[in-house]
């Protein structure tokens, strides 16, 4: 779904962006640890398929939540970090963590 096709309801729009499997965990990794490489996500998110991780990162990038920085070292590497828009999700992730702890 492109930005043009997102739901009009703000709650539905947020749920669409962060509600798919693994997406909130990716954002959590960035909130907790700052910039991460693809391999860092793979190590932290046990069970995520590389193509799923790639798709989720691309979707977050398309929606302006995550930005990818490419470094020209050999071999080339890239890091993902939260944009300013992504940083605004920090309280959401903290609230989800707190709710999850209290409802266990």
PDB file of N, CA and C in Angstrom:
ATOM      1  N   UNK A   1       0.850  -1.169   0.000  1.00  0.00           N
ATOM      2  CA  UNK A   1       0.000   0.000   0.000  1.00  0.00           C
ATOM      3  C   UNK A   1       0.899   1.236   0.000  1.00  0.00           C
ATOM      4  N   UNK A   2       0.616   2.151  -0.890  1.00  0.00           N
ATOM      5  CA  UNK A   2       1.405   3.366  -0.990  1.00  0.00           C
ATOM      6  C   UNK A   2       0.864   4.410  -0.021  1.00  0.00           C
ATOM      7  N   UNK A   3       1.610   5.502   0.130  1.00  0.00           N
ATOM      8  CA  UNK A   3       1.169   6.574   1.018  1.00  0.00           C
ATOM      9  C   UNK A   3      -0.195   7.110   0.597  1.00  0.00           C
ATOM     10  N   UNK A   4      -0.437   7.174  -0.704  1.00  0.00           N
ATOM     11  CA  UNK A   4      -1.714   7.678  -1.212  1.00  0.00           C
ATOM     12  C   UNK A   4      -2.884   6.801  -0.795  1.00  0.00           C
ATOM     13  N   UNK A   5      -2.634   5.500  -0.651  1.00  0.00           N
ATOM     14  CA  UNK A   5      -3.709   4.549  -0.370  1.00  0.00           C
ATOM     15  C   UNK A   5      -3.876   4.222   1.108  1.00  0.00           C
ATOM     16  N   UNK A   6      -3.135   4.885   1.981  1.00  0.00           N
ATOM     17  CA  UNK A   6      -3.254   4.601   3.408  1.00  0.00           C
ATOM     18  C   UNK A   6      -4.644   4.969   3.907  1.00  0.00           C
ATOM     19  N   UNK A   7      -5.118   4.275   4.939  1.00  0.00           N
ATOM     20  CA  UNK A   7      -6.428   4.614   5.500  1.00  0.00           C
ATOM     21  C   UNK A   7      -6.468   6.063   5.992  1.00  0.00           C
ATOM     22  N   UNK A   8      -7.635   6.662   5.950  1.00  0.00           N
ATOM     23  CA  UNK A   8      -7.789   8.035   6.418  1.00  0.00           C
ATOM     24  C   UNK A   8      -7.732   8.126   7.939  1.00  0.00           C
ATOM     25  N   UNK A   9      -8.222   7.131   8.618  1.00  0.00           N
ATOM     26  CA  UNK A   9      -8.228   7.125  10.080  1.00  0.00           C
ATOM     27  C   UNK A   9      -6.790   7.052  10.590  1.00  0.00           C
ATOM     28  N   UNK A  10      -6.352   7.990  11.449  1.00  0.00           N
ATOM     29  CA  UNK A  10      -4.980   7.976  11.948  1.00  0.00           C
ATOM     30  C   UNK A  10      -4.606   6.694  12.695  1.00  0.00           C
ATOM     31  N   UNK A  11      -5.544   6.127  13.455  1.00  0.00           N
ATOM     32  CA  UNK A  11      -5.259   4.884  14.180  1.00  0.00           C
ATOM     33  C   UNK A  11      -5.054   3.739  13.192  1.00  0.00           C
ATOM     34  N   UNK A  12      -5.904   3.656  12.187  1.00  0.00           N
ATOM     35  CA  UNK A  12      -5.771   2.616  11.168  1.00  0.00           C
ATOM     36  C   UNK A  12      -4.476   2.781  10.383  1.00  0.00           C
ATOM     37  N   UNK A  13      -4.112   4.025  10.093  1.00  0.00           N
ATOM     38  CA  UNK A  13      -2.879   4.293   9.354  1.00  0.00           C
ATOM     39  C   UNK A  13      -1.662   3.830  10.151  1.00  0.00           C
ATOM     40  N   UNK A  14      -1.648   4.150  11.456  1.00  0.00           N
ATOM     41  CA  UNK A  14      -0.541   3.723  12.321  1.00  0.00           C
ATOM     42  C   UNK A  14      -0.495   2.212  12.415  1.00  0.00           C
ATOM     43  N   UNK A  15      -1.657   1.588  12.614  1.00  0.00           N
ATOM     44  CA  UNK A  15      -1.715   0.127  12.718  1.00  0.00           C
ATOM     45  C   UNK A  15      -1.249  -0.529  11.426  1.00  0.00           C
ATOM     46  N   UNK A  16      -1.585   0.063  10.296  1.00  0.00           N
ATOM     47  CA  UNK A  16      -1.146  -0.499   9.019  1.00  0.00           C
ATOM     48  C   UNK A  16       0.376  -0.479   8.922  1.00  0.00           C
ATOM     49  N   UNK A  17       0.986   0.625   9.317  1.00  0.00           N
ATOM     50  CA  UNK A  17       2.433   0.776   9.169  1.00  0.00           C
ATOM     51  C   UNK A  17       3.191  -0.087  10.173  1.00  0.00           C
ATOM     52  N   UNK A  18       2.791  -0.093  11.437  1.00  0.00           N
ATOM     53  CA  UNK A  18       3.586  -0.831  12.431  1.00  0.00           C
ATOM     54  C   UNK A  18       2.952  -2.142  12.866  1.00  0.00           C
ATOM     55  N   UNK A  19       1.780  -2.466  12.328  1.00  0.00           N
ATOM     56  CA  UNK A  19       1.053  -3.635  12.809  1.00  0.00           C
ATOM     57  C   UNK A  19       1.405  -4.949  12.150  1.00  0.00           C
ATOM     58  N   UNK A  20       2.137  -4.920  11.044  1.00  0.00           N
ATOM     59  CA  UNK A  20       2.470  -6.193  10.402  1.00  0.00           C
ATOM     60  C   UNK A  20       3.573  -6.904  11.179  1.00  0.00           C
ATOM     61  N   UNK A  21       3.598  -8.216  11.052  1.00  0.00           N
ATOM     62  CA  UNK A  21       4.551  -9.055  11.790  1.00  0.00           C
ATOM     63  C   UNK A  21       5.970  -8.532  11.599  1.00  0.00           C
ATOM     64  N   UNK A  22       6.709  -8.408  12.673  1.00  0.00           N
ATOM     65  CA  UNK A  22       8.113  -8.005  12.765  1.00  0.00           C
ATOM     66  C   UNK A  22       8.341  -6.495  12.727  1.00  0.00           C
ATOM     67  N   UNK A  23       7.403  -5.712  12.248  1.00  0.00           N
ATOM     68  CA  UNK A  23       7.658  -4.287  12.057  1.00  0.00           C
ATOM     69  C   UNK A  23       7.893  -3.569  13.379  1.00  0.00           C
ATOM     70  N   UNK A  24       7.062  -3.818  14.376  1.00  0.00           N
ATOM     71  CA  UNK A  24       7.274  -3.152  15.667  1.00  0.00           C
ATOM     72  C   UNK A  24       8.579  -3.617  16.314  1.00  0.00           C
ATOM     73  N   UNK A  25       8.973  -4.870  16.064  1.00  0.00           N
ATOM     74  CA  UNK A  25      10.240  -5.367  16.610  1.00  0.00           C
ATOM     75  C   UNK A  25      11.435  -4.676  15.948  1.00  0.00           C
ATOM     76  N   UNK A  26      11.320  -4.397  14.658  1.00  0.00           N
ATOM     77  CA  UNK A  26      12.379  -3.663  13.950  1.00  0.00           C
ATOM     78  C   UNK A  26      12.502  -2.263  14.527  1.00  0.00           C
ATOM     79  N   UNK A  27      11.371  -1.601  14.715  1.00  0.00           N
ATOM     80  CA  UNK A  27      11.393  -0.255  15.289  1.00  0.00           C
ATOM     81  C   UNK A  27      11.940  -0.302  16.704  1.00  0.00           C
ATOM     82  N   UNK A  28      11.558  -1.314  17.484  1.00  0.00           N
ATOM     83  CA  UNK A  28      12.075  -1.466  18.844  1.00  0.00           C
ATOM     84  C   UNK A  28      13.593  -1.582  18.848  1.00  0.00           C
ATOM     85  N   UNK A  29      14.136  -2.359  17.939  1.00  0.00           N
ATOM     86  CA  UNK A  29      15.595  -2.502  17.839  1.00  0.00           C
ATOM     87  C   UNK A  29      16.256  -1.150  17.587  1.00  0.00           C
ATOM     88  N   UNK A  30      15.661  -0.343  16.731  1.00  0.00           N
ATOM     89  CA  UNK A  30      16.223   0.973  16.431  1.00  0.00           C
ATOM     90  C   UNK A  30      16.065   1.932  17.603  1.00  0.00           C
ATOM     91  N   UNK A  31      14.943   1.852  18.303  1.00  0.00           N
ATOM     92  CA  UNK A  31      14.731   2.691  19.491  1.00  0.00           C
ATOM     93  C   UNK A  31      15.743   2.327  20.571  1.00  0.00           C
ATOM     94  N   UNK A  32      15.923   1.040  20.807  1.00  0.00           N
ATOM     95  CA  UNK A  32      16.797   0.581  21.889  1.00  0.00           C
ATOM     96  C   UNK A  32      18.281   0.713  21.572  1.00  0.00           C
ATOM     97  N   UNK A  33      18.662   0.555  20.303  1.00  0.00           N
ATOM     98  CA  UNK A  33      20.077   0.429  19.960  1.00  0.00           C
ATOM     99  C   UNK A  33      20.609   1.459  18.973  1.00  0.00           C
ATOM    100  N   UNK A  34      19.769   2.311  18.453  1.00  0.00           N
ATOM    101  CA  UNK A  34      20.242   3.258  17.446  1.00  0.00           C
ATOM    102  C   UNK A  34      20.427   2.570  16.103  1.00  0.00           C
ATOM    103  N   UNK A  35      21.310   3.125  15.281  1.00  0.00           N
ATOM    104  CA  UNK A  35      21.523   2.616  13.929  1.00  0.00           C
ATOM    105  C   UNK A  35      21.922   1.142  13.960  1.00  0.00           C
ATOM    106  N   UNK A  36      21.349   0.378  13.040  1.00  0.00           N
ATOM    107  CA  UNK A  36      21.588  -1.073  12.985  1.00  0.00           C
ATOM    108  C   UNK A  36      21.871  -1.482  11.547  1.00  0.00           C
ATOM    109  N   UNK A  37      22.703  -2.501  11.421  1.00  0.00           N
ATOM    110  CA  UNK A  37      22.954  -3.102  10.118  1.00  0.00           C
ATOM    111  C   UNK A  37      21.986  -4.259   9.922  1.00  0.00           C
ATOM    112  N   UNK A  38      21.847  -4.688   8.678  1.00  0.00           N
ATOM    113  CA  UNK A  38      20.935  -5.780   8.355  1.00  0.00           C
ATOM    114  C   UNK A  38      21.256  -7.010   9.200  1.00  0.00           C
ATOM    115  N   UNK A  39      22.537  -7.320   9.323  1.00  0.00           N
ATOM    116  CA  UNK A  39      22.952  -8.497  10.097  1.00  0.00           C
ATOM    117  C   UNK A  39      22.619  -8.346  11.580  1.00  0.00           C
ATOM    118  N   UNK A  40      22.607  -7.106  12.093  1.00  0.00           N
ATOM    119  CA  UNK A  40      22.217  -6.874  13.489  1.00  0.00           C
ATOM    120  C   UNK A  40      20.757  -7.251  13.705  1.00  0.00           C
ATOM    121  N   UNK A  41      19.914  -6.875  12.738  1.00  0.00           N
ATOM    122  CA  UNK A  41      18.497  -7.243  12.828  1.00  0.00           C
ATOM    123  C   UNK A  41      18.329  -8.757  12.778  1.00  0.00           C
ATOM    124  N   UNK A  42      19.048  -9.398  11.873  1.00  0.00           N
ATOM    125  CA  UNK A  42      18.938 -10.852  11.748  1.00  0.00           C
ATOM    126  C   UNK A  42      19.328 -11.547  13.049  1.00  0.00           C
ATOM    127  N   UNK A  43      20.368 -11.047  13.710  1.00  0.00           N
ATOM    128  CA  UNK A  43      20.813 -11.652  14.965  1.00  0.00           C
ATOM    129  C   UNK A  43      19.808 -11.409  16.088  1.00  0.00           C
ATOM    130  N   UNK A  44      19.215 -10.228  16.113  1.00  0.00           N
ATOM    131  CA  UNK A  44      18.307  -9.860  17.210  1.00  0.00           C
ATOM    132  C   UNK A  44      16.907 -10.429  17.034  1.00  0.00           C
ATOM    133  N   UNK A  45      16.479 -10.601  15.806  1.00  0.00           N
ATOM    134  CA  UNK A  45      15.104 -11.023  15.526  1.00  0.00           C
ATOM    135  C   UNK A  45      15.107 -12.480  15.073  1.00  0.00           C
ATOM    136  N   UNK A  46      15.271 -13.351  16.021  1.00  0.00           N
ATOM    137  CA  UNK A  46      15.359 -14.782  15.742  1.00  0.00           C
ATOM    138  C   UNK A  46      14.109 -15.258  15.004  1.00  0.00           C
ATOM    139  N   UNK A  47      14.347 -15.872  13.851  1.00  0.00           N
ATOM    140  CA  UNK A  47      13.238 -16.439  13.095  1.00  0.00           C
ATOM    141  C   UNK A  47      12.771 -15.601  11.925  1.00  0.00           C
ATOM    142  N   UNK A  48      13.239 -14.364  11.804  1.00  0.00           N
ATOM    143  CA  UNK A  48      12.797 -13.546  10.679  1.00  0.00           C
ATOM    144  C   UNK A  48      13.538 -13.980   9.418  1.00  0.00           C
ATOM    145  N   UNK A  49      12.792 -14.153   8.344  1.00  0.00           N
ATOM    146  CA  UNK A  49      13.396 -14.514   7.066  1.00  0.00           C
ATOM    147  C   UNK A  49      14.039 -13.266   6.454  1.00  0.00           C
ATOM    148  N   UNK A  50      15.183 -13.414   5.800  1.00  0.00           N
ATOM    149  CA  UNK A  50      15.860 -12.254   5.205  1.00  0.00           C
ATOM    150  C   UNK A  50      14.971 -11.458   4.248  1.00  0.00           C
ATOM    151  N   UNK A  51      14.158 -12.147   3.452  1.00  0.00           N
ATOM    152  CA  UNK A  51      13.289 -11.408   2.525  1.00  0.00           C
ATOM    153  C   UNK A  51      12.207 -10.633   3.276  1.00  0.00           C
ATOM    154  N   UNK A  52      11.716 -11.176   4.384  1.00  0.00           N
ATOM    155  CA  UNK A  52      10.730 -10.458   5.200  1.00  0.00           C
ATOM    156  C   UNK A  52      11.367  -9.225   5.820  1.00  0.00           C
ATOM    157  N   UNK A  53      12.569  -9.376   6.369  1.00  0.00           N
ATOM    158  CA  UNK A  53      13.280  -8.240   6.953  1.00  0.00           C
ATOM    159  C   UNK A  53      13.509  -7.163   5.902  1.00  0.00           C
ATOM    160  N   UNK A  54      13.953  -7.568   4.740  1.00  0.00           N
ATOM    161  CA  UNK A  54      14.190  -6.613   3.661  1.00  0.00           C
ATOM    162  C   UNK A  54      12.908  -5.887   3.268  1.00  0.00           C
ATOM    163  N   UNK A  55      11.804  -6.630   3.148  1.00  0.00           N
ATOM    164  CA  UNK A  55      10.516  -6.018   2.791  1.00  0.00           C
ATOM    165  C   UNK A  55      10.042  -5.035   3.850  1.00  0.00           C
ATOM    166  N   UNK A  56      10.166  -5.417   5.126  1.00  0.00           N
ATOM    167  CA  UNK A  56       9.718  -4.527   6.206  1.00  0.00           C
ATOM    168  C   UNK A  56      10.567  -3.254   6.259  1.00  0.00           C
ATOM    169  N   UNK A  57      11.873  -3.390   6.109  1.00  0.00           N
ATOM    170  CA  UNK A  57      12.745  -2.213   6.112  1.00  0.00           C
ATOM    171  C   UNK A  57      12.412  -1.292   4.945  1.00  0.00           C
ATOM    172  N   UNK A  58      12.162  -1.872   3.782  1.00  0.00           N
ATOM    173  CA  UNK A  58      11.801  -1.076   2.610  1.00  0.00           C
ATOM    174  C   UNK A  58      10.479  -0.355   2.830  1.00  0.00           C
ATOM    175  N   UNK A  59       9.496  -1.036   3.405  1.00  0.00           N
ATOM    176  CA  UNK A  59       8.206  -0.412   3.674  1.00  0.00           C
ATOM    177  C   UNK A  59       8.366   0.744   4.657  1.00  0.00           C
ATOM    178  N   UNK A  60       9.156   0.534   5.732  1.00  0.00           N
ATOM    179  CA  UNK A  60       9.388   1.596   6.710  1.00  0.00           C
ATOM    180  C   UNK A  60      10.133   2.765   6.073  1.00  0.00           C
ATOM    181  N   UNK A  61      11.031   2.463   5.168  1.00  0.00           N
ATOM    182  CA  UNK A  61      11.745   3.509   4.446  1.00  0.00           C
ATOM    183  C   UNK A  61      10.780   4.290   3.545  1.00  0.00           C
ATOM    184  N   UNK A  62       9.916   3.584   2.846  1.00  0.00           N
ATOM    185  CA  UNK A  62       8.933   4.224   1.960  1.00  0.00           C
ATOM    186  C   UNK A  62       7.992   5.152   2.718  1.00  0.00           C
ATOM    187  N   UNK A  63       7.702   4.814   3.968  1.00  0.00           N
ATOM    188  CA  UNK A  63       6.788   5.624   4.778  1.00  0.00           C
ATOM    189  C   UNK A  63       7.527   6.673   5.614  1.00  0.00           C
ATOM    190  N   UNK A  64       8.835   6.790   5.423  1.00  0.00           N
ATOM    191  CA  UNK A  64       9.594   7.846   6.090  1.00  0.00           C
ATOM    192  C   UNK A  64       9.884   7.585   7.550  1.00  0.00           C
ATOM    193  N   UNK A  65       9.773   6.342   7.998  1.00  0.00           N
ATOM    194  CA  UNK A  65      10.023   5.988   9.394  1.00  0.00           C
ATOM    195  C   UNK A  65      11.498   5.656   9.600  1.00  0.00           C
ATOM    196  N   UNK A  66      12.102   5.051   8.589  1.00  0.00           N
ATOM    197  CA  UNK A  66      13.489   4.590   8.650  1.00  0.00           C
ATOM    198  C   UNK A  66      14.232   5.167   7.454  1.00  0.00           C
ATOM    199  N   UNK A  67      15.511   5.488   7.657  1.00  0.00           N
ATOM    200  CA  UNK A  67      16.340   5.860   6.526  1.00  0.00           C
ATOM    201  C   UNK A  67      17.556   4.945   6.483  1.00  0.00           C
ATOM    202  N   UNK A  68      18.007   4.696   5.273  1.00  0.00           N
ATOM    203  CA  UNK A  68      19.161   3.822   5.068  1.00  0.00           C
ATOM    204  C   UNK A  68      20.331   4.670   4.626  1.00  0.00           C
ATOM    205  N   UNK A  69      21.442   4.487   5.304  1.00  0.00           N
ATOM    206  CA  UNK A  69      22.674   5.173   4.923  1.00  0.00           C
ATOM    207  C   UNK A  69      23.625   4.130   4.367  1.00  0.00           C
ATOM    208  N   UNK A  70      24.129   4.416   3.180  1.00  0.00           N
ATOM    209  CA  UNK A  70      25.051   3.489   2.527  1.00  0.00           C
ATOM    210  C   UNK A  70      26.458   4.049   2.671  1.00  0.00           C
ATOM    211  N   UNK A  71      27.357   3.199   3.134  1.00  0.00           N
ATOM    212  CA  UNK A  71      28.754   3.570   3.300  1.00  0.00           C
ATOM    213  C   UNK A  71      29.559   2.907   2.198  1.00  0.00           C
ATOM    214  N   UNK A  72      30.472   3.647   1.596  1.00  0.00           N
ATOM    215  CA  UNK A  72      31.233   3.161   0.456  1.00  0.00           C
ATOM    216  C   UNK A  72      32.455   2.352   0.815  1.00  0.00           C
ATOM    217  N   UNK A  73      32.470   1.746   1.981  1.00  0.00           N
ATOM    218  CA  UNK A  73      33.615   0.919   2.357  1.00  0.00           C
ATOM    219  C   UNK A  73      33.611  -0.373   1.556  1.00  0.00           C
ATOM    220  N   UNK A  74      34.685  -1.142   1.685  1.00  0.00           N
ATOM    221  CA  UNK A  74      34.752  -2.440   1.011  1.00  0.00           C
ATOM    222  C   UNK A  74      34.708  -3.540   2.033  1.00  0.00           C
ATOM    223  N   UNK A  75      33.722  -4.415   2.062  1.00  0.00           N
ATOM    224  CA  UNK A  75      32.565  -4.387   1.172  1.00  0.00           C
ATOM    225  C   UNK A  75      31.606  -3.273   1.576  1.00  0.00           C
ATOM    226  N   UNK A  76      30.800  -2.806   0.612  1.00  0.00           N
ATOM    227  CA  UNK A  76      29.829  -1.753   0.944  1.00  0.00           C
ATOM    228  C   UNK A  76      28.893  -2.223   2.050  1.00  0.00           C
ATOM    229  N   UNK A  77      28.513  -1.316   2.915  1.00  0.00           N
ATOM    230  CA  UNK A  77      27.582  -1.666   3.980  1.00  0.00           C
ATOM    231  C   UNK A  77      26.567  -0.548   4.132  1.00  0.00           C
ATOM    232  N   UNK A  78      25.464  -0.892   4.725  1.00  0.00           N
ATOM    233  CA  UNK A  78      24.448   0.123   4.979  1.00  0.00           C
ATOM    234  C   UNK A  78      23.941  -0.044   6.404  1.00  0.00           C
ATOM    235  N   UNK A  79      23.475   1.057   6.945  1.00  0.00           N
ATOM    236  CA  UNK A  79      22.875   1.076   8.280  1.00  0.00           C
ATOM    237  C   UNK A  79      21.501   1.711   8.174  1.00  0.00           C
ATOM    238  N   UNK A  80      20.633   1.252   9.039  1.00  0.00           N
ATOM    239  CA  UNK A  80      19.281   1.783   9.107  1.00  0.00           C
ATOM    240  C   UNK A  80      19.137   2.541  10.415  1.00  0.00           C
ATOM    241  N   UNK A  81      18.459   3.673  10.343  1.00  0.00           N
ATOM    242  CA  UNK A  81      18.190   4.430  11.557  1.00  0.00           C
ATOM    243  C   UNK A  81      16.830   5.091  11.440  1.00  0.00           C
ATOM    244  N   UNK A  82      16.290   5.452  12.584  1.00  0.00           N
ATOM    245  CA  UNK A  82      14.993   6.111  12.599  1.00  0.00           C
ATOM    246  C   UNK A  82      15.131   7.538  12.089  1.00  0.00           C
ATOM    247  N   UNK A  83      14.164   7.960  11.319  1.00  0.00           N
ATOM    248  CA  UNK A  83      14.078   9.357  10.910  1.00  0.00           C
ATOM    249  C   UNK A  83      13.448  10.135  12.075  1.00  0.00           C
ATOM    250  N   UNK A  84      13.286  11.422  11.893  1.00  0.00           N
ATOM    251  CA  UNK A  84      12.592  12.211  12.911  1.00  0.00           C
ATOM    252  C   UNK A  84      11.164  11.687  13.099  1.00  0.00           C
ATOM    253  N   UNK A  85      10.527  11.345  12.004  1.00  0.00           N
ATOM    254  CA  UNK A  85       9.184  10.754  12.064  1.00  0.00           C
ATOM    255  C   UNK A  85       9.226   9.432  12.823  1.00  0.00           C
ATOM    256  N   UNK A  86      10.254   8.638  12.588  1.00  0.00           N
ATOM    257  CA  UNK A  86      10.418   7.373  13.293  1.00  0.00           C
ATOM    258  C   UNK A  86      10.675   7.570  14.773  1.00  0.00           C
ATOM    259  N   UNK A  87      11.440   8.607  15.122  1.00  0.00           N
ATOM    260  CA  UNK A  87      11.709   8.906  16.532  1.00  0.00           C
ATOM    261  C   UNK A  87      10.412   9.229  17.272  1.00  0.00           C
ATOM    262  N   UNK A  88       9.443   9.775  16.569  1.00  0.00           N
ATOM    263  CA  UNK A  88       8.143  10.068  17.180  1.00  0.00           C
ATOM    264  C   UNK A  88       7.428   8.798  17.622  1.00  0.00           C
ATOM    265  N   UNK A  89       7.865   7.642  17.139  1.00  0.00           N
ATOM    266  CA  UNK A  89       7.247   6.365  17.525  1.00  0.00           C
ATOM    267  C   UNK A  89       7.819   5.822  18.833  1.00  0.00           C
ATOM    268  N   UNK A  90       8.871   6.421  19.335  1.00  0.00           N
ATOM    269  CA  UNK A  90       9.500   5.956  20.582  1.00  0.00           C
ATOM    270  C   UNK A  90       8.477   5.793  21.711  1.00  0.00           C
ATOM    271  N   UNK A  91       7.621   6.788  21.994  1.00  0.00           N
ATOM    272  CA  UNK A  91       6.643   6.601  23.079  1.00  0.00           C
ATOM    273  C   UNK A  91       5.657   5.464  22.816  1.00  0.00           C
ATOM    274  N   UNK A  92       5.357   5.203  21.550  1.00  0.00           N
ATOM    275  CA  UNK A  92       4.455   4.102  21.213  1.00  0.00           C
ATOM    276  C   UNK A  92       5.110   2.776  21.580  1.00  0.00           C
ATOM    277  N   UNK A  93       6.382   2.615  21.218  1.00  0.00           N
ATOM    278  CA  UNK A  93       7.107   1.380  21.511  1.00  0.00           C
ATOM    279  C   UNK A  93       7.262   1.205  23.017  1.00  0.00           C
ATOM    280  N   UNK A  94       7.563   2.285  23.734  1.00  0.00           N
ATOM    281  CA  UNK A  94       7.688   2.217  25.200  1.00  0.00           C
ATOM    282  C   UNK A  94       6.350   1.821  25.816  1.00  0.00           C
ATOM    283  N   UNK A  95       5.262   2.419  25.329  1.00  0.00           N
ATOM    284  CA  UNK A  95       3.933   2.076  25.851  1.00  0.00           C
ATOM    285  C   UNK A  95       3.594   0.613  25.562  1.00  0.00           C
ATOM    286  N   UNK A  96       3.942   0.128  24.381  1.00  0.00           N
ATOM    287  CA  UNK A  96       3.693  -1.282  24.044  1.00  0.00           C
ATOM    288  C   UNK A  96       4.497  -2.199  24.961  1.00  0.00           C
ATOM    289  N   UNK A  97       5.753  -1.819  25.236  1.00  0.00           N
ATOM    290  CA  UNK A  97       6.598  -2.622  26.133  1.00  0.00           C
ATOM    291  C   UNK A  97       6.003  -2.647  27.537  1.00  0.00           C
ATOM    292  N   UNK A  98       5.607  -1.496  28.038  1.00  0.00           N
ATOM    293  CA  UNK A  98       5.050  -1.413  29.393  1.00  0.00           C
ATOM    294  C   UNK A  98       3.747  -2.186  29.505  1.00  0.00           C
ATOM    295  N   UNK A  99       2.897  -2.051  28.484  1.00  0.00           N
ATOM    296  CA  UNK A  99       1.638  -2.787  28.510  1.00  0.00           C
ATOM    297  C   UNK A  99       1.897  -4.275  28.465  1.00  0.00           C
ATOM    298  N   UNK A 100       2.840  -4.707  27.643  1.00  0.00           N
ATOM    299  CA  UNK A 100       3.169  -6.124  27.536  1.00  0.00           C
ATOM    300  C   UNK A 100       3.706  -6.689  28.850  1.00  0.00           C
ATOM    301  N   UNK A 101       4.513  -5.899  29.564  1.00  0.00           N
ATOM    302  CA  UNK A 101       5.037  -6.353  30.869  1.00  0.00           C
ATOM    303  C   UNK A 101       3.914  -6.481  31.880  1.00  0.00           C
ATOM    304  N   UNK A 102       2.985  -5.543  31.889  1.00  0.00           N
ATOM    305  CA  UNK A 102       1.940  -5.554  32.894  1.00  0.00           C
ATOM    306  C   UNK A 102       0.834  -6.568  32.600  1.00  0.00           C
ATOM    307  N   UNK A 103       0.745  -7.031  31.374  1.00  0.00           N
ATOM    308  CA  UNK A 103      -0.337  -7.961  31.032  1.00  0.00           C
ATOM    309  C   UNK A 103       0.139  -9.414  30.960  1.00  0.00           C
ATOM    310  N   UNK A 104       1.384  -9.638  31.313  1.00  0.00           N
ATOM    311  CA  UNK A 104       1.938 -11.006  31.213  1.00  0.00           C
ATOM    312  C   UNK A 104       1.404 -11.905  32.295  1.00  0.00           C
TER     313      UNK A 104
END
